[in-house]
Amino acid sequence: MALIRIRDVQPLGGAVVRLVLSDGTTVERDLSALLTGAVFERVRADDASFRSVRVEAGALAWPNGADLCPDTVIWGGLPPESGDRPPATMVVGADASVGPNALTP
């Protein structure tokens, strides 16, 4: 199975982004639970900083050097081995029940 990566990102409202993935799928993700730690402080606090997100090597990245693993953003953890399609919407990293086994399309 080829790894699915992020091809394009569009910030929506709050910490939500619309992503176009390398397989052509479009999904939305709420990143609020992933924006933790000092590197994400400005991204969390300032909407303009959050909106400066871009795609680098298939991952989400910000000008201050902060980035997010594409598997975590797309799947909520490791990608499934079965070749499933990513769910259309998902809050990632919110709790331990979020992950490949908790996803619903």
C-alpha atoms as a PDB file:
ATOM      1  CA  MET A   1       0.000   0.000   0.000  1.00  0.00           C
ATOM      2  CA  ALA A   2       1.376   3.406  -0.971  1.00  0.00           C
ATOM      3  CA  LEU A   3       1.526   5.885   1.883  1.00  0.00           C
ATOM      4  CA  ILE A   4      -1.099   8.602   1.668  1.00  0.00           C
ATOM      5  CA  ARG A   5       0.309  12.066   2.211  1.00  0.00           C
ATOM      6  CA  ILE A   6      -1.078  15.604   2.286  1.00  0.00           C
ATOM      7  CA  ARG A   7      -1.015  17.426  -1.050  1.00  0.00           C
ATOM      8  CA  ASP A   8      -2.833  20.661  -0.159  1.00  0.00           C
ATOM      9  CA  VAL A   9      -4.159  22.409   2.966  1.00  0.00           C
ATOM     10  CA  GLN A  10      -6.817  25.076   3.458  1.00  0.00           C
ATOM     11  CA  PRO A  11      -7.358  26.497   6.965  1.00  0.00           C
ATOM     12  CA  LEU A  12     -11.071  26.786   7.767  1.00  0.00           C
ATOM     13  CA  GLY A  13     -12.157  28.083  11.185  1.00  0.00           C
ATOM     14  CA  GLY A  14     -10.634  27.527  14.603  1.00  0.00           C
ATOM     15  CA  ALA A  15      -8.083  24.724  14.308  1.00  0.00           C
ATOM     16  CA  VAL A  16      -9.878  22.967  11.448  1.00  0.00           C
ATOM     17  CA  VAL A  17      -8.243  22.383   8.075  1.00  0.00           C
ATOM     18  CA  ARG A  18      -9.418  20.932   4.776  1.00  0.00           C
ATOM     19  CA  LEU A  19      -6.849  18.617   3.247  1.00  0.00           C
ATOM     20  CA  VAL A  20      -6.432  17.216  -0.239  1.00  0.00           C
ATOM     21  CA  LEU A  21      -4.575  13.926   0.047  1.00  0.00           C
ATOM     22  CA  SER A  22      -2.229  12.255  -2.428  1.00  0.00           C
ATOM     23  CA  ASP A  23      -4.947   9.720  -3.359  1.00  0.00           C
ATOM     24  CA  GLY A  24      -7.310  12.571  -4.339  1.00  0.00           C
ATOM     25  CA  THR A  25      -9.467  12.321  -1.205  1.00  0.00           C
ATOM     26  CA  THR A  26     -10.568  15.572   0.472  1.00  0.00           C
ATOM     27  CA  VAL A  27     -10.975  15.431   4.267  1.00  0.00           C
ATOM     28  CA  GLU A  28     -11.384  17.842   7.171  1.00  0.00           C
ATOM     29  CA  ARG A  29      -9.460  17.578  10.416  1.00  0.00           C
ATOM     30  CA  ASP A  30      -9.745  19.411  13.737  1.00  0.00           C
ATOM     31  CA  LEU A  31      -6.122  19.780  14.856  1.00  0.00           C
ATOM     32  CA  SER A  32      -6.792  21.463  18.216  1.00  0.00           C
ATOM     33  CA  ALA A  33      -5.738  18.447  20.310  1.00  0.00           C
ATOM     34  CA  LEU A  34      -2.450  18.135  18.384  1.00  0.00           C
ATOM     35  CA  LEU A  35      -1.308  21.741  18.783  1.00  0.00           C
ATOM     36  CA  THR A  36       0.410  21.208  22.119  1.00  0.00           C
ATOM     37  CA  GLY A  37       3.788  22.225  23.482  1.00  0.00           C
ATOM     38  CA  ALA A  38       5.870  25.337  23.188  1.00  0.00           C
ATOM     39  CA  VAL A  39       6.477  25.007  19.430  1.00  0.00           C
ATOM     40  CA  PHE A  40       2.720  25.358  18.807  1.00  0.00           C
ATOM     41  CA  GLU A  41       2.147  28.198  21.308  1.00  0.00           C
ATOM     42  CA  ARG A  42       1.995  30.967  18.685  1.00  0.00           C
ATOM     43  CA  VAL A  43       0.077  28.761  16.227  1.00  0.00           C
ATOM     44  CA  ARG A  44      -2.583  28.146  18.927  1.00  0.00           C
ATOM     45  CA  ALA A  45      -2.752  31.740  20.123  1.00  0.00           C
ATOM     46  CA  ASP A  46      -2.731  33.624  16.821  1.00  0.00           C
ATOM     47  CA  ASP A  47      -5.165  32.862  13.995  1.00  0.00           C
ATOM     48  CA  ALA A  48      -2.848  34.422  11.390  1.00  0.00           C
ATOM     49  CA  SER A  49      -0.042  32.111  12.524  1.00  0.00           C
ATOM     50  CA  PHE A  50      -2.338  29.074  12.305  1.00  0.00           C
ATOM     51  CA  ARG A  51      -3.436  30.141   8.815  1.00  0.00           C
ATOM     52  CA  SER A  52       0.207  30.259   7.658  1.00  0.00           C
ATOM     53  CA  VAL A  53       0.180  26.437   7.555  1.00  0.00           C
ATOM     54  CA  ARG A  54       1.570  24.873   4.394  1.00  0.00           C
ATOM     55  CA  VAL A  55       2.452  21.429   3.069  1.00  0.00           C
ATOM     56  CA  GLU A  56       6.092  20.318   3.173  1.00  0.00           C
ATOM     57  CA  ALA A  57       7.042  16.804   2.063  1.00  0.00           C
ATOM     58  CA  GLY A  58       3.457  15.616   2.563  1.00  0.00           C
ATOM     59  CA  ALA A  59       3.163  16.948   6.130  1.00  0.00           C
ATOM     60  CA  LEU A  60       1.670  20.097   7.673  1.00  0.00           C
ATOM     61  CA  ALA A  61       4.258  22.726   8.607  1.00  0.00           C
ATOM     62  CA  TRP A  62       4.365  26.297   9.884  1.00  0.00           C
ATOM     63  CA  PRO A  63       7.033  28.981   9.297  1.00  0.00           C
ATOM     64  CA  ASN A  64       8.246  28.729  12.933  1.00  0.00           C
ATOM     65  CA  GLY A  65       9.383  25.127  12.346  1.00  0.00           C
ATOM     66  CA  ALA A  66       6.360  23.404  13.913  1.00  0.00           C
ATOM     67  CA  ASP A  67       5.060  20.424  11.955  1.00  0.00           C
ATOM     68  CA  LEU A  68       2.650  17.510  12.269  1.00  0.00           C
ATOM     69  CA  CYS A  69       3.150  13.929  11.110  1.00  0.00           C
ATOM     70  CA  PRO A  70       0.864  13.195   8.152  1.00  0.00           C
ATOM     71  CA  ASP A  71      -0.166   9.771   9.540  1.00  0.00           C
ATOM     72  CA  THR A  72      -1.303  11.370  12.787  1.00  0.00           C
ATOM     73  CA  VAL A  73      -3.250  14.066  10.926  1.00  0.00           C
ATOM     74  CA  ILE A  74      -4.804  11.718   8.344  1.00  0.00           C
ATOM     75  CA  TRP A  75      -5.440   8.588  10.436  1.00  0.00           C
ATOM     76  CA  GLY A  76      -5.124   9.659  14.077  1.00  0.00           C
ATOM     77  CA  GLY A  77      -2.089   7.351  14.392  1.00  0.00           C
ATOM     78  CA  LEU A  78      -0.567   4.639  12.247  1.00  0.00           C
ATOM     79  CA  PRO A  79      -2.314   4.026   8.923  1.00  0.00           C
ATOM     80  CA  PRO A  80      -4.356   0.822   8.663  1.00  0.00           C
ATOM     81  CA  GLU A  81      -2.761  -2.070   6.814  1.00  0.00           C
ATOM     82  CA  SER A  82      -5.954  -2.899   4.930  1.00  0.00           C
ATOM     83  CA  GLY A  83      -5.867   0.002   2.462  1.00  0.00           C
ATOM     84  CA  ASP A  84      -8.947   1.721   3.913  1.00  0.00           C
ATOM     85  CA  ARG A  85      -9.748   5.269   2.850  1.00  0.00           C
ATOM     86  CA  PRO A  86      -9.336   8.030   5.444  1.00  0.00           C
ATOM     87  CA  PRO A  87     -12.535   9.165   7.170  1.00  0.00           C
ATOM     88  CA  ALA A  88     -14.074  12.358   5.798  1.00  0.00           C
ATOM     89  CA  THR A  89     -13.950  14.212   9.133  1.00  0.00           C
ATOM     90  CA  MET A  90     -12.177  13.532  12.393  1.00  0.00           C
ATOM     91  CA  VAL A  91     -10.957  15.225  15.569  1.00  0.00           C
ATOM     92  CA  VAL A  92      -7.413  13.896  15.825  1.00  0.00           C
ATOM     93  CA  GLY A  93      -5.574  13.213  19.058  1.00  0.00           C
ATOM     94  CA  ALA A  94      -8.538  14.035  21.288  1.00  0.00           C
ATOM     95  CA  ASP A  95      -8.307  10.860  23.382  1.00  0.00           C
ATOM     96  CA  ALA A  96      -7.069   7.281  23.399  1.00  0.00           C
ATOM     97  CA  SER A  97     -10.147   6.077  21.482  1.00  0.00           C
ATOM     98  CA  VAL A  98      -9.014   7.989  18.407  1.00  0.00           C
ATOM     99  CA  GLY A  99      -6.883   5.859  16.147  1.00  0.00           C
ATOM    100  CA  PRO A 100      -7.084   3.496  13.186  1.00  0.00           C
ATOM    101  CA  ASN A 101      -9.488   1.153  15.009  1.00  0.00           C
ATOM    102  CA  ALA A 102     -11.788   4.001  16.102  1.00  0.00           C
ATOM    103  CA  LEU A 103     -12.209   5.650  12.701  1.00  0.00           C
ATOM    104  CA  THR A 104     -15.499   5.691  10.868  1.00  0.00           C
ATOM    105  CA  PRO A 105     -15.896   6.911   7.277  1.00  0.00           C
END
